[in-house]
Amino acid sequence: MTKFLISFPASAMDAPAEDMAAVSEASRAVIREAKAAGVYVFGGGINAEIGSLLVAPDGSSTSETYRQTREFDGGFCVLELPSRDVAVQWAARLAMACRCAQELREFHDDPES
């Protein structure tokens, strides 16, 4: 089994405000299905109201981020699945529910995680 990250940036959401309750319920329904199937690991949405903190190796921190991740916001989930093909199927279900494309990434196999 491999862990996959399925995510989207907040800017990808293009649903009208009056549809957001339905979009939220549809995406939660897919997550409930993933939990029932035993493939759900973790998920959530990035809290845009709280800025990122960059923590250095010496423990000091600054209110900034890596340049490449400044736009990292939106929602994500991690699913543990038997194949990339199955991951694509789950990503498609989430894309339909969220009404926006989902990015699929595969985690390295690490026996300690």
N, C-alpha and C. Protein backbone atom coordinates (compact mmCIF):
# COMPACT_ATOMS: atom_id res chain seq x y z
N MET A 1 0.85 -1.18 0.00
CA MET A 1 0.00 0.00 0.00
C MET A 1 0.89 1.24 0.00
N THR A 2 0.49 2.23 -0.76
CA THR A 2 1.23 3.47 -0.91
C THR A 2 0.35 4.63 -0.45
N LYS A 3 0.97 5.61 0.16
CA LYS A 3 0.24 6.82 0.58
C LYS A 3 0.29 7.84 -0.55
N PHE A 4 -0.85 8.46 -0.81
CA PHE A 4 -0.98 9.47 -1.85
C PHE A 4 -1.55 10.76 -1.26
N LEU A 5 -1.02 11.89 -1.71
CA LEU A 5 -1.54 13.20 -1.35
C LEU A 5 -2.43 13.66 -2.49
N ILE A 6 -3.67 14.00 -2.16
CA ILE A 6 -4.61 14.57 -3.13
C ILE A 6 -4.93 15.96 -2.62
N SER A 7 -4.67 16.99 -3.45
CA SER A 7 -4.83 18.36 -2.95
C SER A 7 -5.25 19.32 -4.06
N PHE A 8 -5.66 20.50 -3.62
CA PHE A 8 -6.00 21.58 -4.55
C PHE A 8 -5.76 22.91 -3.85
N PRO A 9 -5.36 23.95 -4.60
CA PRO A 9 -5.22 25.28 -4.01
C PRO A 9 -6.59 25.95 -3.89
N ALA A 10 -6.74 26.83 -2.93
CA ALA A 10 -8.01 27.52 -2.73
C ALA A 10 -8.44 28.26 -3.99
N SER A 11 -7.49 28.78 -4.75
CA SER A 11 -7.83 29.55 -5.95
C SER A 11 -8.47 28.68 -7.03
N ALA A 12 -8.35 27.37 -6.93
CA ALA A 12 -8.97 26.48 -7.91
C ALA A 12 -10.48 26.36 -7.73
N MET A 13 -10.94 26.68 -6.54
CA MET A 13 -12.37 26.60 -6.25
C MET A 13 -13.07 27.75 -6.97
N ASP A 14 -13.95 27.39 -7.89
CA ASP A 14 -14.63 28.41 -8.68
C ASP A 14 -16.15 28.26 -8.57
N ALA A 15 -16.61 27.68 -7.49
CA ALA A 15 -18.04 27.49 -7.29
C ALA A 15 -18.65 28.77 -6.73
N PRO A 16 -19.86 29.10 -7.16
CA PRO A 16 -20.55 30.27 -6.61
C PRO A 16 -20.78 30.10 -5.10
N ALA A 17 -20.82 31.18 -4.40
CA ALA A 17 -20.99 31.15 -2.94
C ALA A 17 -22.21 30.35 -2.54
N GLU A 18 -23.28 30.45 -3.30
CA GLU A 18 -24.50 29.72 -2.94
C GLU A 18 -24.36 28.20 -3.12
N ASP A 19 -23.34 27.75 -3.82
CA ASP A 19 -23.11 26.32 -4.02
C ASP A 19 -22.11 25.73 -3.02
N MET A 20 -21.46 26.56 -2.22
CA MET A 20 -20.38 26.08 -1.36
C MET A 20 -20.85 25.06 -0.33
N ALA A 21 -22.05 25.20 0.20
CA ALA A 21 -22.54 24.22 1.17
C ALA A 21 -22.67 22.85 0.50
N ALA A 22 -23.18 22.82 -0.73
CA ALA A 22 -23.31 21.56 -1.46
C ALA A 22 -21.95 20.98 -1.81
N VAL A 23 -21.00 21.83 -2.20
CA VAL A 23 -19.64 21.39 -2.52
C VAL A 23 -18.99 20.79 -1.28
N SER A 24 -19.13 21.48 -0.16
CA SER A 24 -18.55 20.98 1.10
C SER A 24 -19.14 19.63 1.48
N GLU A 25 -20.45 19.50 1.37
CA GLU A 25 -21.09 18.23 1.71
C GLU A 25 -20.65 17.12 0.76
N ALA A 26 -20.54 17.42 -0.52
CA ALA A 26 -20.12 16.41 -1.50
C ALA A 26 -18.70 15.93 -1.20
N SER A 27 -17.80 16.87 -0.87
CA SER A 27 -16.42 16.47 -0.58
C SER A 27 -16.35 15.69 0.73
N ARG A 28 -17.14 16.08 1.71
CA ARG A 28 -17.16 15.32 2.97
C ARG A 28 -17.72 13.92 2.76
N ALA A 29 -18.66 13.77 1.84
CA ALA A 29 -19.21 12.45 1.54
C ALA A 29 -18.13 11.53 0.97
N VAL A 30 -17.27 12.07 0.10
CA VAL A 30 -16.17 11.26 -0.45
C VAL A 30 -15.20 10.87 0.66
N ILE A 31 -14.91 11.80 1.55
CA ILE A 31 -14.01 11.50 2.67
C ILE A 31 -14.63 10.44 3.57
N ARG A 32 -15.94 10.53 3.82
CA ARG A 32 -16.60 9.48 4.62
C ARG A 32 -16.49 8.13 3.93
N GLU A 33 -16.61 8.10 2.61
CA GLU A 33 -16.45 6.84 1.85
C GLU A 33 -15.02 6.30 1.99
N ALA A 34 -14.03 7.21 1.94
CA ALA A 34 -12.63 6.79 2.10
C ALA A 34 -12.41 6.21 3.49
N LYS A 35 -13.01 6.83 4.50
CA LYS A 35 -12.89 6.30 5.87
C LYS A 35 -13.55 4.93 5.97
N ALA A 36 -14.74 4.80 5.40
CA ALA A 36 -15.45 3.52 5.44
C ALA A 36 -14.68 2.43 4.71
N ALA A 37 -13.95 2.81 3.65
CA ALA A 37 -13.16 1.85 2.88
C ALA A 37 -11.83 1.53 3.57
N GLY A 38 -11.50 2.26 4.64
CA GLY A 38 -10.26 2.01 5.37
C GLY A 38 -9.02 2.55 4.70
N VAL A 39 -9.17 3.53 3.78
CA VAL A 39 -8.01 4.06 3.06
C VAL A 39 -7.63 5.47 3.50
N TYR A 40 -8.45 6.09 4.34
CA TYR A 40 -8.21 7.46 4.79
C TYR A 40 -7.10 7.48 5.84
N VAL A 41 -6.13 8.39 5.65
CA VAL A 41 -5.05 8.56 6.63
C VAL A 41 -5.23 9.87 7.37
N PHE A 42 -5.36 10.98 6.61
CA PHE A 42 -5.45 12.30 7.22
C PHE A 42 -5.89 13.28 6.16
N GLY A 43 -6.54 14.35 6.56
CA GLY A 43 -6.91 15.39 5.60
C GLY A 43 -7.36 16.64 6.31
N GLY A 44 -7.57 17.68 5.53
CA GLY A 44 -8.05 18.93 6.09
C GLY A 44 -7.85 20.07 5.13
N GLY A 45 -8.04 21.24 5.65
CA GLY A 45 -7.83 22.45 4.87
C GLY A 45 -6.85 23.35 5.58
N ILE A 46 -6.04 24.05 4.82
CA ILE A 46 -5.07 24.97 5.40
C ILE A 46 -5.81 26.21 5.93
N ASN A 47 -5.56 26.58 7.16
CA ASN A 47 -6.20 27.74 7.76
C ASN A 47 -5.54 29.01 7.22
N ALA A 48 -6.21 29.68 6.31
CA ALA A 48 -5.66 30.87 5.66
C ALA A 48 -5.57 32.07 6.61
N GLU A 49 -6.25 32.00 7.75
CA GLU A 49 -6.23 33.11 8.70
C GLU A 49 -4.96 33.15 9.54
N ILE A 50 -4.22 32.04 9.53
CA ILE A 50 -2.98 31.96 10.32
C ILE A 50 -1.82 31.81 9.35
N GLY A 51 -0.89 32.76 9.38
CA GLY A 51 0.24 32.73 8.48
C GLY A 51 1.21 31.61 8.79
N SER A 52 2.04 31.29 7.81
CA SER A 52 3.03 30.24 8.00
C SER A 52 4.19 30.74 8.85
N LEU A 53 4.92 29.82 9.39
CA LEU A 53 6.08 30.11 10.22
C LEU A 53 7.22 29.26 9.70
N LEU A 54 8.34 29.87 9.39
CA LEU A 54 9.51 29.15 8.91
C LEU A 54 10.44 28.94 10.10
N VAL A 55 10.66 27.69 10.47
CA VAL A 55 11.46 27.34 11.64
C VAL A 55 12.82 26.82 11.17
N ALA A 56 13.88 27.49 11.61
CA ALA A 56 15.25 27.16 11.20
C ALA A 56 15.81 26.00 12.04
N PRO A 57 16.90 25.38 11.56
CA PRO A 57 17.51 24.28 12.32
C PRO A 57 17.92 24.65 13.74
N ASP A 58 18.21 25.94 13.98
CA ASP A 58 18.59 26.36 15.34
C ASP A 58 17.38 26.64 16.22
N GLY A 59 16.17 26.46 15.68
CA GLY A 59 14.95 26.68 16.45
C GLY A 59 14.37 28.07 16.31
N SER A 60 15.10 28.98 15.70
CA SER A 60 14.55 30.33 15.51
C SER A 60 13.46 30.28 14.44
N SER A 61 12.55 31.25 14.47
CA SER A 61 11.46 31.23 13.50
C SER A 61 11.18 32.63 12.99
N THR A 62 10.66 32.69 11.78
CA THR A 62 10.26 33.94 11.16
C THR A 62 8.90 33.74 10.49
N SER A 63 8.14 34.80 10.37
CA SER A 63 6.82 34.74 9.74
C SER A 63 6.98 34.84 8.23
N GLU A 64 7.44 33.77 7.64
CA GLU A 64 7.61 33.72 6.20
C GLU A 64 7.45 32.29 5.75
N THR A 65 7.74 32.05 4.48
CA THR A 65 7.60 30.72 3.92
C THR A 65 8.62 30.56 2.80
N TYR A 66 8.78 29.33 2.34
CA TYR A 66 9.57 29.13 1.14
C TYR A 66 8.86 29.79 -0.04
N ARG A 67 9.59 30.36 -0.94
CA ARG A 67 9.01 31.03 -2.10
C ARG A 67 8.09 30.09 -2.88
N GLN A 68 8.50 28.84 -3.01
CA GLN A 68 7.74 27.86 -3.80
C GLN A 68 6.40 27.50 -3.17
N THR A 69 6.23 27.72 -1.87
CA THR A 69 5.00 27.30 -1.21
C THR A 69 4.14 28.47 -0.74
N ARG A 70 4.42 29.67 -1.21
CA ARG A 70 3.62 30.82 -0.78
C ARG A 70 2.15 30.66 -1.10
N GLU A 71 1.86 29.96 -2.17
CA GLU A 71 0.47 29.76 -2.58
C GLU A 71 -0.10 28.45 -2.07
N PHE A 72 0.55 27.82 -1.09
CA PHE A 72 0.05 26.56 -0.56
C PHE A 72 -1.10 26.84 0.39
N ASP A 73 -2.29 26.60 -0.09
CA ASP A 73 -3.50 26.76 0.71
C ASP A 73 -4.53 25.80 0.15
N GLY A 74 -5.72 25.85 0.60
CA GLY A 74 -6.75 24.96 0.07
C GLY A 74 -6.90 23.72 0.91
N GLY A 75 -7.28 22.62 0.27
CA GLY A 75 -7.57 21.40 0.98
C GLY A 75 -6.74 20.24 0.49
N PHE A 76 -6.66 19.20 1.31
CA PHE A 76 -5.86 18.02 0.96
C PHE A 76 -6.34 16.82 1.75
N CYS A 77 -5.97 15.67 1.28
CA CYS A 77 -6.13 14.45 2.08
C CYS A 77 -5.01 13.48 1.70
N VAL A 78 -4.71 12.61 2.61
CA VAL A 78 -3.74 11.54 2.37
C VAL A 78 -4.52 10.23 2.46
N LEU A 79 -4.43 9.45 1.40
CA LEU A 79 -5.07 8.14 1.35
C LEU A 79 -4.02 7.07 1.14
N GLU A 80 -4.21 5.92 1.75
CA GLU A 80 -3.30 4.79 1.56
C GLU A 80 -4.00 3.80 0.64
N LEU A 81 -3.42 3.61 -0.54
CA LEU A 81 -4.10 2.88 -1.61
C LEU A 81 -3.19 1.85 -2.25
N PRO A 82 -3.78 0.84 -2.90
CA PRO A 82 -2.98 -0.24 -3.47
C PRO A 82 -2.25 0.11 -4.77
N SER A 83 -2.69 1.17 -5.48
CA SER A 83 -2.03 1.50 -6.74
C SER A 83 -2.30 2.95 -7.14
N ARG A 84 -1.50 3.42 -8.08
CA ARG A 84 -1.70 4.77 -8.63
C ARG A 84 -3.03 4.86 -9.37
N ASP A 85 -3.43 3.78 -10.05
CA ASP A 85 -4.71 3.79 -10.75
C ASP A 85 -5.87 4.01 -9.79
N VAL A 86 -5.82 3.36 -8.64
CA VAL A 86 -6.87 3.54 -7.64
C VAL A 86 -6.81 4.97 -7.08
N ALA A 87 -5.60 5.50 -6.91
CA ALA A 87 -5.45 6.89 -6.43
C ALA A 87 -6.07 7.87 -7.43
N VAL A 88 -5.89 7.63 -8.70
CA VAL A 88 -6.49 8.48 -9.73
C VAL A 88 -8.01 8.43 -9.62
N GLN A 89 -8.56 7.27 -9.34
CA GLN A 89 -10.01 7.15 -9.19
C GLN A 89 -10.52 7.97 -8.00
N TRP A 90 -9.81 7.90 -6.87
CA TRP A 90 -10.21 8.69 -5.71
C TRP A 90 -10.04 10.19 -5.99
N ALA A 91 -8.95 10.56 -6.65
CA ALA A 91 -8.75 11.98 -6.99
C ALA A 91 -9.87 12.47 -7.91
N ALA A 92 -10.31 11.64 -8.83
CA ALA A 92 -11.42 12.02 -9.72
C ALA A 92 -12.71 12.22 -8.93
N ARG A 93 -12.94 11.37 -7.95
CA ARG A 93 -14.14 11.52 -7.12
C ARG A 93 -14.09 12.83 -6.34
N LEU A 94 -12.92 13.15 -5.81
CA LEU A 94 -12.78 14.41 -5.08
C LEU A 94 -12.89 15.60 -6.03
N ALA A 95 -12.34 15.48 -7.23
CA ALA A 95 -12.45 16.57 -8.21
C ALA A 95 -13.91 16.84 -8.55
N MET A 96 -14.67 15.79 -8.71
CA MET A 96 -16.09 15.97 -9.01
C MET A 96 -16.80 16.63 -7.84
N ALA A 97 -16.51 16.17 -6.62
CA ALA A 97 -17.16 16.73 -5.43
C ALA A 97 -16.78 18.19 -5.21
N CYS A 98 -15.49 18.50 -5.38
CA CYS A 98 -15.00 19.86 -5.13
C CYS A 98 -15.18 20.80 -6.32
N ARG A 99 -15.52 20.20 -7.47
CA ARG A 99 -15.70 20.97 -8.70
C ARG A 99 -14.42 21.67 -9.15
N CYS A 100 -13.29 21.03 -8.88
CA CYS A 100 -12.00 21.55 -9.35
C CYS A 100 -11.01 20.40 -9.45
N ALA A 101 -10.02 20.57 -10.31
CA ALA A 101 -8.99 19.55 -10.49
C ALA A 101 -8.23 19.32 -9.18
N GLN A 102 -7.77 18.10 -9.02
CA GLN A 102 -7.00 17.72 -7.84
C GLN A 102 -5.59 17.33 -8.27
N GLU A 103 -4.62 17.71 -7.49
CA GLU A 103 -3.24 17.31 -7.75
C GLU A 103 -2.96 16.02 -7.00
N LEU A 104 -2.35 15.07 -7.67
CA LEU A 104 -2.04 13.78 -7.07
C LEU A 104 -0.53 13.62 -6.95
N ARG A 105 -0.07 13.31 -5.75
CA ARG A 105 1.36 13.06 -5.51
C ARG A 105 1.50 11.79 -4.69
N GLU A 106 2.58 11.10 -4.92
CA GLU A 106 2.85 9.83 -4.24
C GLU A 106 3.98 10.03 -3.24
N PHE A 107 3.79 9.52 -2.02
CA PHE A 107 4.84 9.59 -1.01
C PHE A 107 5.85 8.47 -1.25
N HIS A 108 7.11 8.74 -0.89
CA HIS A 108 8.13 7.70 -0.91
C HIS A 108 7.74 6.61 0.08
N ASP A 109 8.07 5.39 -0.27
CA ASP A 109 7.81 4.28 0.65
C ASP A 109 8.84 4.36 1.77
N ASP A 110 8.38 4.55 2.97
CA ASP A 110 9.26 4.62 4.14
C ASP A 110 8.68 3.69 5.21
N PRO A 111 9.39 2.62 5.53
CA PRO A 111 8.84 1.63 6.47
C PRO A 111 8.55 2.19 7.87
N GLU A 112 9.10 3.36 8.18
CA GLU A 112 8.87 3.92 9.51
C GLU A 112 7.77 4.98 9.53
N SER A 113 7.09 5.20 8.39
CA SER A 113 6.00 6.19 8.42
C SER A 113 4.69 5.55 8.07
